[in-house]
mmCIF file of all heavy atoms, coordinates in Angstrom:
data_MODEL
# 
_entry.id   MODEL 
# 
loop_
_atom_site.group_PDB 
_atom_site.id 
_atom_site.type_symbol 
_atom_site.label_atom_id 
_atom_site.label_alt_id 
_atom_site.label_comp_id 
_atom_site.label_asym_id 
_atom_site.label_entity_id 
_atom_site.label_seq_id 
_atom_site.pdbx_PDB_ins_code 
_atom_site.Cartn_x 
_atom_site.Cartn_y 
_atom_site.Cartn_z 
_atom_site.occupancy 
_atom_site.B_iso_or_equiv 
_atom_site.pdbx_formal_charge 
_atom_site.auth_seq_id 
_atom_site.auth_comp_id 
_atom_site.auth_asym_id 
_atom_site.auth_atom_id 
_atom_site.pdbx_PDB_model_num 
ATOM 1   N N   . VAL A 1 1  ? 104.590 76.932 92.807  1.00 0.00 ? 1  VAL A N   1 
ATOM 2   C CA  . VAL A 1 1  ? 103.458 76.004 92.717  1.00 0.00 ? 1  VAL A CA  1 
ATOM 3   C C   . VAL A 1 1  ? 102.317 76.611 91.904  1.00 0.00 ? 1  VAL A C   1 
ATOM 4   O O   . VAL A 1 1  ? 101.206 76.088 91.893  1.00 0.00 ? 1  VAL A O   1 
ATOM 5   C CB  . VAL A 1 1  ? 102.960 75.566 94.115  1.00 0.00 ? 1  VAL A CB  1 
ATOM 6   C CG1 . VAL A 1 1  ? 104.004 74.682 94.788  1.00 0.00 ? 1  VAL A CG1 1 
ATOM 7   C CG2 . VAL A 1 1  ? 102.613 76.768 94.990  1.00 0.00 ? 1  VAL A CG2 1 
ATOM 8   N N   . ASP A 1 2  ? 102.590 77.698 91.236  1.00 0.00 ? 2  ASP A N   1 
ATOM 9   C CA  . ASP A 1 2  ? 101.635 78.280 90.296  1.00 0.00 ? 2  ASP A CA  1 
ATOM 10  C C   . ASP A 1 2  ? 101.569 77.396 89.059  1.00 0.00 ? 2  ASP A C   1 
ATOM 11  O O   . ASP A 1 2  ? 102.589 77.175 88.405  1.00 0.00 ? 2  ASP A O   1 
ATOM 12  C CB  . ASP A 1 2  ? 102.100 79.692 89.919  1.00 0.00 ? 2  ASP A CB  1 
ATOM 13  C CG  . ASP A 1 2  ? 101.254 80.350 88.842  1.00 0.00 ? 2  ASP A CG  1 
ATOM 14  O OD1 . ASP A 1 2  ? 100.213 79.791 88.452  1.00 0.00 ? 2  ASP A OD1 1 
ATOM 15  O OD2 . ASP A 1 2  ? 101.653 81.443 88.387  1.00 0.00 ? 2  ASP A OD2 1 
ATOM 16  N N   . PRO A 1 3  ? 100.393 76.868 88.708  1.00 0.00 ? 3  PRO A N   1 
ATOM 17  C CA  . PRO A 1 3  ? 100.329 75.993 87.525  1.00 0.00 ? 3  PRO A CA  1 
ATOM 18  C C   . PRO A 1 3  ? 100.681 76.703 86.218  1.00 0.00 ? 3  PRO A C   1 
ATOM 19  O O   . PRO A 1 3  ? 100.953 76.047 85.218  1.00 0.00 ? 3  PRO A O   1 
ATOM 20  C CB  . PRO A 1 3  ? 98.869  75.515 87.517  1.00 0.00 ? 3  PRO A CB  1 
ATOM 21  C CG  . PRO A 1 3  ? 98.127  76.509 88.344  1.00 0.00 ? 3  PRO A CG  1 
ATOM 22  C CD  . PRO A 1 3  ? 99.092  76.997 89.369  1.00 0.00 ? 3  PRO A CD  1 
ATOM 23  N N   . HIS A 1 4  ? 100.721 78.041 86.249  1.00 0.00 ? 4  HIS A N   1 
ATOM 24  C CA  . HIS A 1 4  ? 101.053 78.809 85.049  1.00 0.00 ? 4  HIS A CA  1 
ATOM 25  C C   . HIS A 1 4  ? 102.399 79.520 85.178  1.00 0.00 ? 4  HIS A C   1 
ATOM 26  O O   . HIS A 1 4  ? 102.662 80.490 84.462  1.00 0.00 ? 4  HIS A O   1 
ATOM 27  C CB  . HIS A 1 4  ? 99.953  79.837 84.768  1.00 0.00 ? 4  HIS A CB  1 
ATOM 28  C CG  . HIS A 1 4  ? 98.586  79.235 84.670  1.00 0.00 ? 4  HIS A CG  1 
ATOM 29  N ND1 . HIS A 1 4  ? 98.210  78.402 83.655  1.00 0.00 ? 4  HIS A ND1 1 
ATOM 30  C CD2 . HIS A 1 4  ? 97.508  79.348 85.489  1.00 0.00 ? 4  HIS A CD2 1 
ATOM 31  C CE1 . HIS A 1 4  ? 96.955  78.023 83.824  1.00 0.00 ? 4  HIS A CE1 1 
ATOM 32  N NE2 . HIS A 1 4  ? 96.505  78.567 84.937  1.00 0.00 ? 4  HIS A NE2 1 
ATOM 33  N N   . TYR A 1 5  ? 103.247 79.034 86.063  1.00 0.00 ? 5  TYR A N   1 
ATOM 34  C CA  . TYR A 1 5  ? 104.543 79.693 86.315  1.00 0.00 ? 5  TYR A CA  1 
ATOM 35  C C   . TYR A 1 5  ? 105.336 79.877 85.023  1.00 0.00 ? 5  TYR A C   1 
ATOM 36  O O   . TYR A 1 5  ? 105.478 78.961 84.212  1.00 0.00 ? 5  TYR A O   1 
ATOM 37  C CB  . TYR A 1 5  ? 105.363 78.850 87.290  1.00 0.00 ? 5  TYR A CB  1 
ATOM 38  C CG  . TYR A 1 5  ? 106.775 79.380 87.492  1.00 0.00 ? 5  TYR A CG  1 
ATOM 39  C CD1 . TYR A 1 5  ? 107.022 80.391 88.406  1.00 0.00 ? 5  TYR A CD1 1 
ATOM 40  C CD2 . TYR A 1 5  ? 107.844 78.874 86.746  1.00 0.00 ? 5  TYR A CD2 1 
ATOM 41  C CE1 . TYR A 1 5  ? 108.311 80.883 88.588  1.00 0.00 ? 5  TYR A CE1 1 
ATOM 42  C CE2 . TYR A 1 5  ? 109.131 79.361 86.924  1.00 0.00 ? 5  TYR A CE2 1 
ATOM 43  C CZ  . TYR A 1 5  ? 109.351 80.375 87.849  1.00 0.00 ? 5  TYR A CZ  1 
ATOM 44  O OH  . TYR A 1 5  ? 110.624 80.871 88.015  1.00 0.00 ? 5  TYR A OH  1 
ATOM 45  N N   . ASN A 1 6  ? 105.849 81.099 84.831  1.00 0.00 ? 6  ASN A N   1 
ATOM 46  C CA  . ASN A 1 6  ? 106.749 81.365 83.692  1.00 0.00 ? 6  ASN A CA  1 
ATOM 47  C C   . ASN A 1 6  ? 107.938 82.236 84.077  1.00 0.00 ? 6  ASN A C   1 
ATOM 48  O O   . ASN A 1 6  ? 108.681 82.701 83.210  1.00 0.00 ? 6  ASN A O   1 
ATOM 49  C CB  . ASN A 1 6  ? 105.981 82.001 82.533  1.00 0.00 ? 6  ASN A CB  1 
ATOM 50  C CG  . ASN A 1 6  ? 105.364 83.348 82.895  1.00 0.00 ? 6  ASN A CG  1 
ATOM 51  O OD1 . ASN A 1 6  ? 105.672 83.929 83.951  1.00 0.00 ? 6  ASN A OD1 1 
ATOM 52  N ND2 . ASN A 1 6  ? 104.477 83.861 82.042  1.00 0.00 ? 6  ASN A ND2 1 
ATOM 53  N N   . GLY A 1 7  ? 108.100 82.484 85.379  1.00 0.00 ? 7  GLY A N   1 
ATOM 54  C CA  . GLY A 1 7  ? 109.259 83.240 85.842  1.00 0.00 ? 7  GLY A CA  1 
ATOM 55  C C   . GLY A 1 7  ? 109.101 84.741 85.843  1.00 0.00 ? 7  GLY A C   1 
ATOM 56  O O   . GLY A 1 7  ? 110.033 85.458 86.226  1.00 0.00 ? 7  GLY A O   1 
ATOM 57  N N   . THR A 1 8  ? 107.934 85.254 85.442  1.00 0.00 ? 8  THR A N   1 
ATOM 58  C CA  . THR A 1 8  ? 107.735 86.699 85.381  1.00 0.00 ? 8  THR A CA  1 
ATOM 59  C C   . THR A 1 8  ? 106.995 87.211 86.618  1.00 0.00 ? 8  THR A C   1 
ATOM 60  O O   . THR A 1 8  ? 106.213 86.492 87.243  1.00 0.00 ? 8  THR A O   1 
ATOM 61  C CB  . THR A 1 8  ? 106.925 87.091 84.131  1.00 0.00 ? 8  THR A CB  1 
ATOM 62  O OG1 . THR A 1 8  ? 105.582 86.587 84.251  1.00 0.00 ? 8  THR A OG1 1 
ATOM 63  C CG2 . THR A 1 8  ? 107.571 86.542 82.880  1.00 0.00 ? 8  THR A CG2 1 
ATOM 64  N N   . THR A 1 9  ? 107.234 88.470 86.939  1.00 0.00 ? 9  THR A N   1 
ATOM 65  C CA  . THR A 1 9  ? 106.496 89.087 88.041  1.00 0.00 ? 9  THR A CA  1 
ATOM 66  C C   . THR A 1 9  ? 105.029 89.289 87.675  1.00 0.00 ? 9  THR A C   1 
ATOM 67  O O   . THR A 1 9  ? 104.157 89.277 88.556  1.00 0.00 ? 9  THR A O   1 
ATOM 68  C CB  . THR A 1 9  ? 107.122 90.433 88.439  1.00 0.00 ? 9  THR A CB  1 
ATOM 69  O OG1 . THR A 1 9  ? 107.162 91.300 87.298  1.00 0.00 ? 9  THR A OG1 1 
ATOM 70  C CG2 . THR A 1 9  ? 108.525 90.239 88.996  1.00 0.00 ? 9  THR A CG2 1 
ATOM 71  N N   . LYS A 1 10 ? 104.734 89.440 86.400  1.00 0.00 ? 10 LYS A N   1 
ATOM 72  C CA  . LYS A 1 10 ? 103.336 89.590 85.972  1.00 0.00 ? 10 LYS A CA  1 
ATOM 73  C C   . LYS A 1 10 ? 102.523 88.342 86.300  1.00 0.00 ? 10 LYS A C   1 
ATOM 74  O O   . LYS A 1 10 ? 101.421 88.429 86.859  1.00 0.00 ? 10 LYS A O   1 
ATOM 75  C CB  . LYS A 1 10 ? 103.275 89.884 84.475  1.00 0.00 ? 10 LYS A CB  1 
ATOM 76  C CG  . LYS A 1 10 ? 101.849 90.070 83.960  1.00 0.00 ? 10 LYS A CG  1 
ATOM 77  C CD  . LYS A 1 10 ? 101.833 90.390 82.467  1.00 0.00 ? 10 LYS A CD  1 
ATOM 78  C CE  . LYS A 1 10 ? 100.403 90.558 81.960  1.00 0.00 ? 10 LYS A CE  1 
ATOM 79  N NZ  . LYS A 1 10 ? 100.379 90.879 80.504  1.00 0.00 ? 10 LYS A NZ  1 
ATOM 80  N N   . GLU A 1 11 ? 103.052 87.188 85.966  1.00 0.00 ? 11 GLU A N   1 
ATOM 81  C CA  . GLU A 1 11 ? 102.342 85.950 86.268  1.00 0.00 ? 11 GLU A CA  1 
ATOM 82  C C   . GLU A 1 11 ? 102.300 85.703 87.768  1.00 0.00 ? 11 GLU A C   1 
ATOM 83  O O   . GLU A 1 11 ? 101.291 85.230 88.307  1.00 0.00 ? 11 GLU A O   1 
ATOM 84  C CB  . GLU A 1 11 ? 103.006 84.765 85.561  1.00 0.00 ? 11 GLU A CB  1 
ATOM 85  C CG  . GLU A 1 11 ? 102.442 83.402 85.944  1.00 0.00 ? 11 GLU A CG  1 
ATOM 86  C CD  . GLU A 1 11 ? 100.938 83.293 85.756  1.00 0.00 ? 11 GLU A CD  1 
ATOM 87  O OE1 . GLU A 1 11 ? 100.379 83.900 84.819  1.00 0.00 ? 11 GLU A OE1 1 
ATOM 88  O OE2 . GLU A 1 11 ? 100.297 82.585 86.567  1.00 0.00 ? 11 GLU A OE2 1 
ATOM 89  N N   . ALA A 1 12 ? 103.383 86.031 88.480  1.00 0.00 ? 12 ALA A N   1 
ATOM 90  C CA  . ALA A 1 12 ? 103.397 85.862 89.932  1.00 0.00 ? 12 ALA A CA  1 
ATOM 91  C C   . ALA A 1 12 ? 102.335 86.744 90.587  1.00 0.00 ? 12 ALA A C   1 
ATOM 92  O O   . ALA A 1 12 ? 101.660 86.325 91.538  1.00 0.00 ? 12 ALA A O   1 
ATOM 93  C CB  . ALA A 1 12 ? 104.784 86.195 90.484  1.00 0.00 ? 12 ALA A CB  1 
ATOM 94  N N   . THR A 1 13 ? 102.172 87.957 90.097  1.00 0.00 ? 13 THR A N   1 
ATOM 95  C CA  . THR A 1 13 ? 101.126 88.835 90.608  1.00 0.00 ? 13 THR A CA  1 
ATOM 96  C C   . THR A 1 13 ? 99.750  88.220 90.394  1.00 0.00 ? 13 THR A C   1 
ATOM 97  O O   . THR A 1 13 ? 98.889  88.231 91.291  1.00 0.00 ? 13 THR A O   1 
ATOM 98  C CB  . THR A 1 13 ? 101.192 90.207 89.920  1.00 0.00 ? 13 THR A CB  1 
ATOM 99  O OG1 . THR A 1 13 ? 102.459 90.815 90.200  1.00 0.00 ? 13 THR A OG1 1 
ATOM 100 C CG2 . THR A 1 13 ? 100.067 91.118 90.396  1.00 0.00 ? 13 THR A CG2 1 
ATOM 101 N N   . ALA A 1 14 ? 99.526  87.660 89.195  1.00 0.00 ? 14 ALA A N   1 
ATOM 102 C CA  . ALA A 1 14 ? 98.242  87.025 88.888  1.00 0.00 ? 14 ALA A CA  1 
ATOM 103 C C   . ALA A 1 14 ? 97.976  85.837 89.814  1.00 0.00 ? 14 ALA A C   1 
ATOM 104 O O   . ALA A 1 14 ? 96.829  85.603 90.227  1.00 0.00 ? 14 ALA A O   1 
ATOM 105 C CB  . ALA A 1 14 ? 98.222  86.577 87.430  1.00 0.00 ? 14 ALA A CB  1 
ATOM 106 N N   . TRP A 1 15 ? 99.020  85.090 90.175  1.00 0.00 ? 15 TRP A N   1 
ATOM 107 C CA  . TRP A 1 15 ? 98.885  83.960 91.097  1.00 0.00 ? 15 TRP A CA  1 
ATOM 108 C C   . TRP A 1 15 ? 98.509  84.461 92.493  1.00 0.00 ? 15 TRP A C   1 
ATOM 109 O O   . TRP A 1 15 ? 97.679  83.855 93.179  1.00 0.00 ? 15 TRP A O   1 
ATOM 110 C CB  . TRP A 1 15 ? 100.187 83.169 91.118  1.00 0.00 ? 15 TRP A CB  1 
ATOM 111 C CG  . TRP A 1 15 ? 100.288 82.009 92.055  1.00 0.00 ? 15 TRP A CG  1 
ATOM 112 C CD1 . TRP A 1 15 ? 101.315 81.768 92.920  1.00 0.00 ? 15 TRP A CD1 1 
ATOM 113 C CD2 . TRP A 1 15 ? 99.380  80.909 92.206  1.00 0.00 ? 15 TRP A CD2 1 
ATOM 114 N NE1 . TRP A 1 15 ? 101.102 80.612 93.614  1.00 0.00 ? 15 TRP A NE1 1 
ATOM 115 C CE2 . TRP A 1 15 ? 99.921  80.048 93.188  1.00 0.00 ? 15 TRP A CE2 1 
ATOM 116 C CE3 . TRP A 1 15 ? 98.162  80.578 91.618  1.00 0.00 ? 15 TRP A CE3 1 
ATOM 117 C CZ2 . TRP A 1 15 ? 99.293  78.880 93.597  1.00 0.00 ? 15 TRP A CZ2 1 
ATOM 118 C CZ3 . TRP A 1 15 ? 97.523  79.403 92.016  1.00 0.00 ? 15 TRP A CZ3 1 
ATOM 119 C CH2 . TRP A 1 15 ? 98.091  78.567 92.996  1.00 0.00 ? 15 TRP A CH2 1 
ATOM 120 N N   . GLY A 1 16 ? 99.086  85.580 92.915  1.00 0.00 ? 16 GLY A N   1 
ATOM 121 C CA  . GLY A 1 16 ? 98.682  86.171 94.183  1.00 0.00 ? 16 GLY A CA  1 
ATOM 122 C C   . GLY A 1 16 ? 97.236  86.623 94.164  1.00 0.00 ? 16 GLY A C   1 
ATOM 123 O O   . GLY A 1 16 ? 96.487  86.421 95.126  1.00 0.00 ? 16 GLY A O   1 
ATOM 124 N N   . VAL A 1 17 ? 96.821  87.227 93.068  1.00 0.00 ? 17 VAL A N   1 
ATOM 125 C CA  . VAL A 1 17 ? 95.429  87.665 92.919  1.00 0.00 ? 17 VAL A CA  1 
ATOM 126 C C   . VAL A 1 17 ? 94.477  86.473 92.969  1.00 0.00 ? 17 VAL A C   1 
ATOM 127 O O   . VAL A 1 17 ? 93.426  86.521 93.631  1.00 0.00 ? 17 VAL A O   1 
ATOM 128 C CB  . VAL A 1 17 ? 95.248  88.449 91.601  1.00 0.00 ? 17 VAL A CB  1 
ATOM 129 C CG1 . VAL A 1 17 ? 93.771  88.660 91.282  1.00 0.00 ? 17 VAL A CG1 1 
ATOM 130 C CG2 . VAL A 1 17 ? 95.966  89.795 91.686  1.00 0.00 ? 17 VAL A CG2 1 
ATOM 131 N N   . GLN A 1 18 ? 94.829  85.390 92.277  1.00 0.00 ? 18 GLN A N   1 
ATOM 132 C CA  . GLN A 1 18 ? 93.979  84.200 92.290  1.00 0.00 ? 18 GLN A CA  1 
ATOM 133 C C   . GLN A 1 18 ? 93.754  83.694 93.708  1.00 0.00 ? 18 GLN A C   1 
ATOM 134 O O   . GLN A 1 18 ? 92.635  83.358 94.105  1.00 0.00 ? 18 GLN A O   1 
ATOM 135 C CB  . GLN A 1 18 ? 94.611  83.102 91.439  1.00 0.00 ? 18 GLN A CB  1 
ATOM 136 C CG  . GLN A 1 18 ? 93.891  81.749 91.502  1.00 0.00 ? 18 GLN A CG  1 
ATOM 137 C CD  . GLN A 1 18 ? 92.512  81.795 90.906  1.00 0.00 ? 18 GLN A CD  1 
ATOM 138 O OE1 . GLN A 1 18 ? 92.335  81.646 89.709  1.00 0.00 ? 18 GLN A OE1 1 
ATOM 139 N NE2 . GLN A 1 18 ? 91.496  82.020 91.741  1.00 0.00 ? 18 GLN A NE2 1 
ATOM 140 N N   . GLN A 1 19 ? 94.818  83.664 94.502  1.00 0.00 ? 19 GLN A N   1 
ATOM 141 C CA  . GLN A 1 19 ? 94.693  83.183 95.881  1.00 0.00 ? 19 GLN A CA  1 
ATOM 142 C C   . GLN A 1 19 ? 93.879  84.142 96.742  1.00 0.00 ? 19 GLN A C   1 
ATOM 143 O O   . GLN A 1 19 ? 93.140  83.714 97.638  1.00 0.00 ? 19 GLN A O   1 
ATOM 144 C CB  . GLN A 1 19 ? 96.082  82.955 96.473  1.00 0.00 ? 19 GLN A CB  1 
ATOM 145 C CG  . GLN A 1 19 ? 96.830  81.815 95.781  1.00 0.00 ? 19 GLN A CG  1 
ATOM 146 C CD  . GLN A 1 19 ? 98.172  81.526 96.405  1.00 0.00 ? 19 GLN A CD  1 
ATOM 147 O OE1 . GLN A 1 19 ? 98.260  80.894 97.456  1.00 0.00 ? 19 GLN A OE1 1 
ATOM 148 N NE2 . GLN A 1 19 ? 99.232  82.015 95.772  1.00 0.00 ? 19 GLN A NE2 1 
ATOM 149 N N   . ALA A 1 20 ? 93.982  85.430 96.470  1.00 0.00 ? 20 ALA A N   1 
ATOM 150 C CA  . ALA A 1 20 ? 93.161  86.406 97.186  1.00 0.00 ? 20 ALA A CA  1 
ATOM 151 C C   . ALA A 1 20 ? 91.681  86.215 96.856  1.00 0.00 ? 20 ALA A C   1 
ATOM 152 O O   . ALA A 1 20 ? 90.812  86.326 97.736  1.00 0.00 ? 20 ALA A O   1 
ATOM 153 C CB  . ALA A 1 20 ? 93.610  87.824 96.840  1.00 0.00 ? 20 ALA A CB  1 
ATOM 154 N N   . GLU A 1 21 ? 91.375  85.933 95.594  1.00 0.00 ? 21 GLU A N   1 
ATOM 155 C CA  . GLU A 1 21 ? 89.989  85.674 95.202  1.00 0.00 ? 21 GLU A CA  1 
ATOM 156 C C   . GLU A 1 21 ? 89.448  84.443 95.925  1.00 0.00 ? 21 GLU A C   1 
ATOM 157 O O   . GLU A 1 21 ? 88.305  84.439 96.412  1.00 0.00 ? 21 GLU A O   1 
ATOM 158 C CB  . GLU A 1 21 ? 89.897  85.487 93.691  1.00 0.00 ? 21 GLU A CB  1 
ATOM 159 C CG  . GLU A 1 21 ? 90.164  86.763 92.897  1.00 0.00 ? 21 GLU A CG  1 
ATOM 160 C CD  . GLU A 1 21 ? 90.211  86.514 91.408  1.00 0.00 ? 21 GLU A CD  1 
ATOM 161 O OE1 . GLU A 1 21 ? 90.411  85.339 90.994  1.00 0.00 ? 21 GLU A OE1 1 
ATOM 162 O OE2 . GLU A 1 21 ? 90.045  87.486 90.640  1.00 0.00 ? 21 GLU A OE2 1 
ATOM 163 N N   . TRP A 1 22 ? 90.251  83.392 95.981  1.00 0.00 ? 22 TRP A N   1 
ATOM 164 C CA  . TRP A 1 22 ? 89.839  82.193 96.705  1.00 0.00 ? 22 TRP A CA  1 
ATOM 165 C C   . TRP A 1 22 ? 89.588  82.511 98.178  1.00 0.00 ? 22 TRP A C   1 
ATOM 166 O O   . TRP A 1 22 ? 88.640  81.995 98.788  1.00 0.00 ? 22 TRP A O   1 
ATOM 167 C CB  . TRP A 1 22 ? 90.915  81.122 96.603  1.00 0.00 ? 22 TRP A CB  1 
ATOM 168 C CG  . TRP A 1 22 ? 91.005  80.444 95.269  1.00 0.00 ? 22 TRP A CG  1 
ATOM 169 C CD1 . TRP A 1 22 ? 90.016  80.302 94.334  1.00 0.00 ? 22 TRP A CD1 1 
ATOM 170 C CD2 . TRP A 1 22 ? 92.158  79.802 94.727  1.00 0.00 ? 22 TRP A CD2 1 
ATOM 171 N NE1 . TRP A 1 22 ? 90.476  79.612 93.247  1.00 0.00 ? 22 TRP A NE1 1 
ATOM 172 C CE2 . TRP A 1 22 ? 91.792  79.287 93.449  1.00 0.00 ? 22 TRP A CE2 1 
ATOM 173 C CE3 . TRP A 1 22 ? 93.456  79.597 95.168  1.00 0.00 ? 22 TRP A CE3 1 
ATOM 174 C CZ2 . TRP A 1 22 ? 92.680  78.591 92.634  1.00 0.00 ? 22 TRP A CZ2 1 
ATOM 175 C CZ3 . TRP A 1 22 ? 94.344  78.909 94.354  1.00 0.00 ? 22 TRP A CZ3 1 
ATOM 176 C CH2 . TRP A 1 22 ? 93.969  78.412 93.109  1.00 0.00 ? 22 TRP A CH2 1 
ATOM 177 N N   . THR A 1 23 ? 90.439  83.340 98.756  1.00 0.00 ? 23 THR A N   1 
ATOM 178 C CA  . THR A 1 23 ? 90.294  83.691 100.167 1.00 0.00 ? 23 THR A CA  1 
ATOM 179 C C   . THR A 1 23 ? 88.959  84.376 100.433 1.00 0.00 ? 23 THR A C   1 
ATOM 180 O O   . THR A 1 23 ? 88.218  83.992 101.352 1.00 0.00 ? 23 THR A O   1 
ATOM 181 C CB  . THR A 1 23 ? 91.439  84.615 100.612 1.00 0.00 ? 23 THR A CB  1 
ATOM 182 O OG1 . THR A 1 23 ? 92.693  83.970 100.386 1.00 0.00 ? 23 THR A OG1 1 
ATOM 183 C CG2 . THR A 1 23 ? 91.313  84.959 102.096 1.00 0.00 ? 23 THR A CG2 1 
ATOM 184 N N   . LEU A 1 24 ? 88.652  85.403 99.682  1.00 0.00 ? 24 LEU A N   1 
ATOM 185 C CA  . LEU A 1 24 ? 87.410  86.145 99.913  1.00 0.00 ? 24 LEU A CA  1 
ATOM 186 C C   . LEU A 1 24 ? 86.188  85.266 99.679  1.00 0.00 ? 24 LEU A C   1 
ATOM 187 O O   . LEU A 1 24 ? 85.173  85.401 100.386 1.00 0.00 ? 24 LEU A O   1 
ATOM 188 C CB  . LEU A 1 24 ? 87.364  87.384 99.030  1.00 0.00 ? 24 LEU A CB  1 
ATOM 189 C CG  . LEU A 1 24 ? 88.399  88.468 99.351  1.00 0.00 ? 24 LEU A CG  1 
ATOM 190 C CD1 . LEU A 1 24 ? 88.245  89.644 98.389  1.00 0.00 ? 24 LEU A CD1 1 
ATOM 191 C CD2 . LEU A 1 24 ? 88.278  88.940 100.798 1.00 0.00 ? 24 LEU A CD2 1 
ATOM 192 N N   . SER A 1 25 ? 86.265  84.352 98.724  1.00 0.00 ? 25 SER A N   1 
ATOM 193 C CA  . SER A 1 25 ? 85.165  83.432 98.491  1.00 0.00 ? 25 SER A CA  1 
ATOM 194 C C   . SER A 1 25 ? 84.958  82.525 99.699  1.00 0.00 ? 25 SER A C   1 
ATOM 195 O O   . SER A 1 25 ? 83.829  82.324 100.162 1.00 0.00 ? 25 SER A O   1 
ATOM 196 C CB  . SER A 1 25 ? 85.426  82.592 97.236  1.00 0.00 ? 25 SER A CB  1 
ATOM 197 O OG  . SER A 1 25 ? 84.393  81.653 97.030  1.00 0.00 ? 25 SER A OG  1 
ATOM 198 N N   . ALA A 1 26 ? 86.042  81.960 100.219 1.00 0.00 ? 26 ALA A N   1 
ATOM 199 C CA  . ALA A 1 26 ? 85.938  81.094 101.394 1.00 0.00 ? 26 ALA A CA  1 
ATOM 200 C C   . ALA A 1 26 ? 85.423  81.856 102.606 1.00 0.00 ? 26 ALA A C   1 
ATOM 201 O O   . ALA A 1 26 ? 84.599  81.350 103.368 1.00 0.00 ? 26 ALA A O   1 
ATOM 202 C CB  . ALA A 1 26 ? 87.304  80.471 101.695 1.00 0.00 ? 26 ALA A CB  1 
ATOM 203 N N   . MET A 1 27 ? 85.879  83.084 102.776 1.00 0.00 ? 27 MET A N   1 
ATOM 204 C CA  . MET A 1 27 ? 85.479  83.879 103.943 1.00 0.00 ? 27 MET A CA  1 
ATOM 205 C C   . MET A 1 27 ? 84.008  84.264 103.913 1.00 0.00 ? 27 MET A C   1 
ATOM 206 O O   . MET A 1 27 ? 83.414  84.536 104.960 1.00 0.00 ? 27 MET A O   1 
ATOM 207 C CB  . MET A 1 27 ? 86.344  85.137 104.024 1.00 0.00 ? 27 MET A CB  1 
ATOM 208 C CG  . MET A 1 27 ? 87.769  84.868 104.453 1.00 0.00 ? 27 MET A CG  1 
ATOM 209 S SD  . MET A 1 27 ? 88.772  86.369 104.414 1.00 0.00 ? 27 MET A SD  1 
ATOM 210 C CE  . MET A 1 27 ? 87.935  87.370 105.640 1.00 0.00 ? 27 MET A CE  1 
ATOM 211 N N   . SER A 1 28 ? 83.398  84.273 102.751 1.00 0.00 ? 28 SER A N   1 
ATOM 212 C CA  . SER A 1 28 ? 81.988  84.641 102.672 1.00 0.00 ? 28 SER A CA  1 
ATOM 213 C C   . SER A 1 28 ? 81.097  83.631 103.388 1.00 0.00 ? 28 SER A C   1 
ATOM 214 O O   . SER A 1 28 ? 79.944  83.922 103.689 1.00 0.00 ? 28 SER A O   1 
ATOM 215 C CB  . SER A 1 28 ? 81.568  84.757 101.205 1.00 0.00 ? 28 SER A CB  1 
ATOM 216 O OG  . SER A 1 28 ? 81.546  83.488 100.569 1.00 0.00 ? 28 SER A OG  1 
ATOM 217 N N   . LYS A 1 29 ? 81.642  82.463 103.710 1.00 0.00 ? 29 LYS A N   1 
ATOM 218 C CA  . LYS A 1 29 ? 80.889  81.413 104.397 1.00 0.00 ? 29 LYS A CA  1 
ATOM 219 C C   . LYS A 1 29 ? 81.238  81.335 105.876 1.00 0.00 ? 29 LYS A C   1 
ATOM 220 O O   . LYS A 1 29 ? 80.747  80.441 106.577 1.00 0.00 ? 29 LYS A O   1 
ATOM 221 C CB  . LYS A 1 29 ? 81.160  80.072 103.724 1.00 0.00 ? 29 LYS A CB  1 
ATOM 222 C CG  . LYS A 1 29 ? 80.815  80.078 102.234 1.00 0.00 ? 29 LYS A CG  1 
ATOM 223 C CD  . LYS A 1 29 ? 81.373  78.859 101.545 1.00 0.00 ? 29 LYS A CD  1 
ATOM 224 C CE  . LYS A 1 29 ? 81.075  78.902 100.048 1.00 0.00 ? 29 LYS A CE  1 
ATOM 225 N NZ  . LYS A 1 29 ? 81.757  80.033 99.359  1.00 0.00 ? 29 LYS A NZ  1 
# 
């Protein structure tokens, strides 16, 4: 469900990082 999926572990890692960033932003509230 990564909008930038290309089958690589590099992009998958970036998708995990994006979700972690969203998490910390939400938790700040």
